[in-house]
């Protein structure tokens, strides 16, 4: 009696195995980064989220903003303040759905 085992898949080389492990590690690292980013965002206060969003509008991250000199920080803070004022003016003073939809 003889036993013959044939496989339709070729044998995996050691290099292929390392590539597979590297891909899994990359996916795991990406998941950790996404998880870390989410937790970091979730722990922010609404004011911090708004500040981060405004910085993103100007193409900056919080880390980049923190590294700026005080004069540049002040200029960007002024731009952020102006942008918030524009948004408030554009939205008007009427807050619908609070008590009534009528403007007094």
N, C-alpha and C. Protein backbone atom coordinates (compact mmCIF):
# COMPACT_ATOMS: atom_id res chain seq x y z
N UNK A 1 0.84 -1.16 0.00
CA UNK A 1 0.00 0.00 0.00
C UNK A 1 0.90 1.24 0.00
N UNK A 2 0.58 2.20 -0.85
CA UNK A 2 1.35 3.45 -0.91
C UNK A 2 0.41 4.64 -0.78
N UNK A 3 0.90 5.64 -0.11
CA UNK A 3 0.11 6.85 0.10
C UNK A 3 0.78 7.98 -0.66
N UNK A 4 0.00 8.65 -1.43
CA UNK A 4 0.51 9.76 -2.21
C UNK A 4 -0.30 11.01 -1.85
N UNK A 5 0.40 12.07 -1.51
CA UNK A 5 -0.27 13.32 -1.18
C UNK A 5 0.11 14.34 -2.24
N UNK A 6 -0.91 14.84 -2.88
CA UNK A 6 -0.65 15.88 -3.86
C UNK A 6 -1.38 17.14 -3.43
N UNK A 7 -0.75 18.21 -3.65
CA UNK A 7 -1.33 19.49 -3.25
C UNK A 7 -1.52 20.35 -4.49
N UNK A 8 -2.65 21.00 -4.56
CA UNK A 8 -2.90 21.86 -5.71
C UNK A 8 -2.19 23.20 -5.53
N UNK A 9 -1.74 23.48 -4.33
CA UNK A 9 -1.04 24.73 -4.06
C UNK A 9 0.45 24.46 -3.94
N UNK A 10 1.26 25.33 -4.53
CA UNK A 10 2.70 25.13 -4.42
C UNK A 10 3.17 25.39 -2.98
N UNK A 11 4.28 24.80 -2.67
CA UNK A 11 4.84 25.00 -1.34
C UNK A 11 5.25 26.46 -1.17
N UNK A 12 5.01 26.98 0.00
CA UNK A 12 5.33 28.38 0.29
C UNK A 12 6.78 28.48 0.69
N UNK A 13 7.45 29.43 0.08
CA UNK A 13 8.85 29.62 0.44
C UNK A 13 8.92 30.43 1.73
N UNK A 14 10.06 30.44 2.32
CA UNK A 14 10.27 31.19 3.56
C UNK A 14 10.09 32.69 3.31
N UNK A 15 10.52 33.17 2.14
CA UNK A 15 10.37 34.59 1.80
C UNK A 15 8.90 34.96 1.70
N UNK A 16 8.09 34.07 1.11
CA UNK A 16 6.65 34.33 1.00
C UNK A 16 6.01 34.36 2.39
N UNK A 17 6.46 33.49 3.26
CA UNK A 17 5.93 33.46 4.61
C UNK A 17 6.26 34.77 5.34
N UNK A 18 7.49 35.27 5.16
CA UNK A 18 7.86 36.54 5.78
C UNK A 18 7.04 37.70 5.22
N UNK A 19 6.77 37.66 3.91
CA UNK A 19 5.95 38.71 3.30
C UNK A 19 4.54 38.70 3.90
N UNK A 20 3.99 37.51 4.09
CA UNK A 20 2.66 37.39 4.67
C UNK A 20 2.64 37.92 6.10
N UNK A 21 3.65 37.55 6.87
CA UNK A 21 3.75 38.03 8.24
C UNK A 21 3.88 39.56 8.26
N UNK A 22 4.65 40.11 7.34
CA UNK A 22 4.83 41.57 7.27
C UNK A 22 3.51 42.26 6.94
N UNK A 23 2.73 41.67 6.01
CA UNK A 23 1.43 42.25 5.66
C UNK A 23 0.50 42.25 6.87
N UNK A 24 0.49 41.15 7.60
CA UNK A 24 -0.37 41.07 8.80
C UNK A 24 0.08 42.09 9.83
N UNK A 25 1.38 42.24 10.00
CA UNK A 25 1.91 43.21 10.96
C UNK A 25 1.55 44.63 10.54
N UNK A 26 1.62 44.92 9.23
CA UNK A 26 1.26 46.25 8.73
C UNK A 26 -0.21 46.54 9.00
N UNK A 27 -1.08 45.55 8.76
CA UNK A 27 -2.50 45.73 9.01
C UNK A 27 -2.75 45.95 10.51
N UNK A 28 -2.04 45.20 11.34
CA UNK A 28 -2.18 45.34 12.78
C UNK A 28 -1.72 46.73 13.22
N UNK A 29 -0.62 47.20 12.67
CA UNK A 29 -0.12 48.53 13.02
C UNK A 29 -1.11 49.61 12.56
N UNK A 30 -1.70 49.42 11.39
CA UNK A 30 -2.69 50.38 10.90
C UNK A 30 -3.92 50.39 11.80
N UNK A 31 -4.33 49.20 12.27
CA UNK A 31 -5.47 49.13 13.17
C UNK A 31 -5.15 49.84 14.49
N UNK A 32 -3.95 49.62 15.00
CA UNK A 32 -3.55 50.27 16.25
C UNK A 32 -3.54 51.79 16.07
N UNK A 33 -3.05 52.26 14.91
CA UNK A 33 -3.01 53.68 14.65
C UNK A 33 -4.43 54.23 14.57
N UNK A 34 -5.31 53.54 13.87
CA UNK A 34 -6.70 53.98 13.76
C UNK A 34 -7.37 53.99 15.13
N UNK A 35 -7.11 52.96 15.90
CA UNK A 35 -7.68 52.88 17.24
C UNK A 35 -7.15 54.01 18.13
N UNK A 36 -5.86 54.26 18.05
CA UNK A 36 -5.25 55.33 18.83
C UNK A 36 -5.81 56.69 18.42
N UNK A 37 -5.92 56.90 17.10
CA UNK A 37 -6.47 58.17 16.61
C UNK A 37 -7.91 58.36 17.07
N UNK A 38 -8.71 57.29 17.01
CA UNK A 38 -10.09 57.39 17.44
C UNK A 38 -10.18 57.72 18.93
N UNK A 39 -9.42 57.01 19.74
CA UNK A 39 -9.46 57.26 21.18
C UNK A 39 -8.99 58.67 21.51
N UNK A 40 -7.97 59.13 20.79
CA UNK A 40 -7.47 60.49 21.00
C UNK A 40 -8.57 61.51 20.68
N UNK A 41 -9.27 61.28 19.57
CA UNK A 41 -10.36 62.18 19.17
C UNK A 41 -11.53 62.10 20.14
N UNK A 42 -11.87 60.91 20.58
CA UNK A 42 -13.01 60.72 21.47
C UNK A 42 -12.78 61.37 22.84
N UNK A 43 -11.54 61.47 23.26
CA UNK A 43 -11.23 62.04 24.57
C UNK A 43 -11.11 63.57 24.53
N UNK A 44 -11.22 64.16 23.33
CA UNK A 44 -11.13 65.62 23.22
C UNK A 44 -12.44 66.26 23.67
N UNK A 45 -12.33 67.47 24.19
CA UNK A 45 -13.52 68.25 24.50
C UNK A 45 -14.05 68.83 23.19
N UNK A 46 -15.31 69.27 23.17
CA UNK A 46 -15.83 69.89 21.95
C UNK A 46 -14.99 71.09 21.48
N UNK A 47 -14.49 71.87 22.41
CA UNK A 47 -13.65 73.01 22.05
C UNK A 47 -12.34 72.55 21.39
N UNK A 48 -11.76 71.48 21.92
CA UNK A 48 -10.53 70.94 21.33
C UNK A 48 -10.79 70.39 19.93
N UNK A 49 -11.95 69.74 19.75
CA UNK A 49 -12.30 69.23 18.42
C UNK A 49 -12.46 70.37 17.43
N UNK A 50 -13.12 71.45 17.87
CA UNK A 50 -13.32 72.60 16.99
C UNK A 50 -11.98 73.22 16.62
N UNK A 51 -11.10 73.37 17.60
CA UNK A 51 -9.78 73.95 17.35
C UNK A 51 -9.00 73.08 16.37
N UNK A 52 -9.06 71.78 16.54
CA UNK A 52 -8.36 70.85 15.64
C UNK A 52 -8.94 70.95 14.24
N UNK A 53 -10.26 71.04 14.13
CA UNK A 53 -10.90 71.15 12.82
C UNK A 53 -10.50 72.46 12.13
N UNK A 54 -10.45 73.54 12.90
CA UNK A 54 -10.06 74.84 12.33
C UNK A 54 -8.59 74.81 11.89
N UNK A 55 -7.75 74.19 12.67
CA UNK A 55 -6.34 74.06 12.28
C UNK A 55 -6.22 73.27 10.98
N UNK A 56 -7.03 72.23 10.85
CA UNK A 56 -7.01 71.41 9.64
C UNK A 56 -7.41 72.24 8.42
N UNK A 57 -8.35 73.18 8.61
CA UNK A 57 -8.74 74.06 7.52
C UNK A 57 -7.56 74.88 7.02
N UNK A 58 -6.65 75.21 7.92
CA UNK A 58 -5.47 75.98 7.56
C UNK A 58 -4.28 75.08 7.24
N UNK A 59 -4.52 73.78 7.18
CA UNK A 59 -3.48 72.83 6.79
C UNK A 59 -2.47 72.54 7.89
N UNK A 60 -2.89 72.66 9.14
CA UNK A 60 -1.97 72.42 10.26
C UNK A 60 -2.51 71.33 11.19
N UNK A 61 -1.60 70.64 11.82
CA UNK A 61 -1.97 69.73 12.89
C UNK A 61 -1.72 70.45 14.21
N UNK A 62 -2.24 69.89 15.28
CA UNK A 62 -2.02 70.50 16.61
C UNK A 62 -0.53 70.52 16.94
N UNK A 63 0.18 69.47 16.57
CA UNK A 63 1.62 69.39 16.84
C UNK A 63 2.37 70.49 16.09
N UNK A 64 1.98 70.71 14.82
CA UNK A 64 2.62 71.77 14.04
C UNK A 64 2.31 73.14 14.64
N UNK A 65 1.06 73.33 15.06
CA UNK A 65 0.65 74.59 15.67
C UNK A 65 1.45 74.85 16.95
N UNK A 66 1.62 73.81 17.75
CA UNK A 66 2.35 73.95 19.02
C UNK A 66 3.81 74.34 18.79
N UNK A 67 4.38 73.99 17.65
CA UNK A 67 5.79 74.27 17.37
C UNK A 67 6.01 75.67 16.79
N UNK A 68 4.93 76.36 16.46
CA UNK A 68 5.07 77.69 15.88
C UNK A 68 5.51 78.71 16.92
N UNK A 69 6.11 79.80 16.42
CA UNK A 69 6.48 80.88 17.34
C UNK A 69 5.22 81.62 17.79
N UNK A 70 5.29 82.34 18.91
CA UNK A 70 4.10 83.00 19.46
C UNK A 70 3.40 83.96 18.49
N UNK A 71 4.16 84.66 17.66
CA UNK A 71 3.56 85.59 16.71
C UNK A 71 2.71 84.84 15.69
N UNK A 72 3.24 83.76 15.14
CA UNK A 72 2.51 82.97 14.16
C UNK A 72 1.28 82.33 14.79
N UNK A 73 1.42 81.85 16.04
CA UNK A 73 0.27 81.28 16.75
C UNK A 73 -0.84 82.32 16.90
N UNK A 74 -0.45 83.55 17.25
CA UNK A 74 -1.42 84.62 17.41
C UNK A 74 -2.15 84.93 16.11
N UNK A 75 -1.41 84.95 15.01
CA UNK A 75 -2.02 85.22 13.71
C UNK A 75 -3.02 84.13 13.34
N UNK A 76 -2.64 82.89 13.57
CA UNK A 76 -3.54 81.79 13.25
C UNK A 76 -4.75 81.80 14.18
N UNK A 77 -4.52 82.11 15.46
CA UNK A 77 -5.64 82.20 16.41
C UNK A 77 -6.62 83.29 15.98
N UNK A 78 -6.09 84.41 15.47
CA UNK A 78 -6.97 85.48 14.97
C UNK A 78 -7.79 85.00 13.77
N UNK A 79 -7.14 84.28 12.86
CA UNK A 79 -7.85 83.74 11.69
C UNK A 79 -8.94 82.77 12.12
N UNK A 80 -8.62 81.93 13.11
CA UNK A 80 -9.61 80.97 13.61
C UNK A 80 -10.79 81.72 14.23
N UNK A 81 -10.50 82.73 15.02
CA UNK A 81 -11.55 83.53 15.65
C UNK A 81 -12.44 84.17 14.59
N UNK A 82 -11.82 84.73 13.53
CA UNK A 82 -12.59 85.35 12.44
C UNK A 82 -13.47 84.32 11.72
N UNK A 83 -12.92 83.13 11.52
CA UNK A 83 -13.68 82.07 10.85
C UNK A 83 -14.88 81.65 11.69
N UNK A 84 -14.70 81.54 12.99
CA UNK A 84 -15.81 81.17 13.88
C UNK A 84 -16.89 82.26 13.85
N UNK A 85 -16.46 83.53 13.86
CA UNK A 85 -17.42 84.63 13.78
C UNK A 85 -18.22 84.57 12.49
N UNK A 86 -17.53 84.30 11.37
CA UNK A 86 -18.22 84.19 10.08
C UNK A 86 -19.26 83.07 10.11
N UNK A 87 -18.88 81.94 10.68
CA UNK A 87 -19.81 80.82 10.75
C UNK A 87 -21.02 81.15 11.62
N UNK A 88 -20.79 81.84 12.73
CA UNK A 88 -21.90 82.22 13.60
C UNK A 88 -22.82 83.22 12.90
N UNK A 89 -22.25 84.19 12.21
CA UNK A 89 -23.06 85.16 11.50
C UNK A 89 -23.84 84.52 10.36
N UNK A 90 -23.22 83.57 9.68
CA UNK A 90 -23.89 82.89 8.57
C UNK A 90 -25.05 82.03 9.06
N UNK A 91 -24.91 81.47 10.25
CA UNK A 91 -25.97 80.60 10.78
C UNK A 91 -27.12 81.41 11.35
N UNK A 92 -26.90 82.69 11.62
CA UNK A 92 -27.95 83.53 12.19
C UNK A 92 -28.09 83.30 13.67
N UNK A 93 -29.00 84.06 14.27
CA UNK A 93 -29.21 83.93 15.70
C UNK A 93 -30.38 83.02 16.02
N UNK A 94 -31.16 82.65 14.99
CA UNK A 94 -32.32 81.81 15.23
C UNK A 94 -31.90 80.36 15.42
N UNK A 95 -32.26 79.80 16.51
CA UNK A 95 -31.99 78.39 16.79
C UNK A 95 -33.31 77.65 16.70
N UNK A 96 -33.54 76.97 15.60
CA UNK A 96 -34.81 76.29 15.40
C UNK A 96 -34.90 75.05 16.26
N UNK A 97 -36.11 74.78 16.70
CA UNK A 97 -36.37 73.56 17.43
C UNK A 97 -36.10 73.61 18.91
N UNK A 98 -35.61 74.72 19.43
CA UNK A 98 -35.34 74.80 20.86
C UNK A 98 -36.66 74.87 21.61
N UNK A 99 -37.45 75.93 21.33
CA UNK A 99 -38.79 76.02 21.92
C UNK A 99 -39.80 76.19 20.80
N UNK A 100 -39.56 77.15 19.94
CA UNK A 100 -40.40 77.36 18.75
C UNK A 100 -39.50 77.71 17.59
N UNK A 101 -40.08 77.68 16.42
CA UNK A 101 -39.32 78.03 15.22
C UNK A 101 -39.49 79.51 14.87
N UNK A 102 -40.09 80.27 15.74
CA UNK A 102 -40.34 81.68 15.46
C UNK A 102 -39.18 82.52 15.95
N UNK A 103 -38.84 83.49 15.14
CA UNK A 103 -37.76 84.41 15.51
C UNK A 103 -38.40 85.61 16.21
N UNK A 104 -37.92 85.93 17.36
CA UNK A 104 -38.51 87.03 18.14
C UNK A 104 -37.71 88.28 17.96
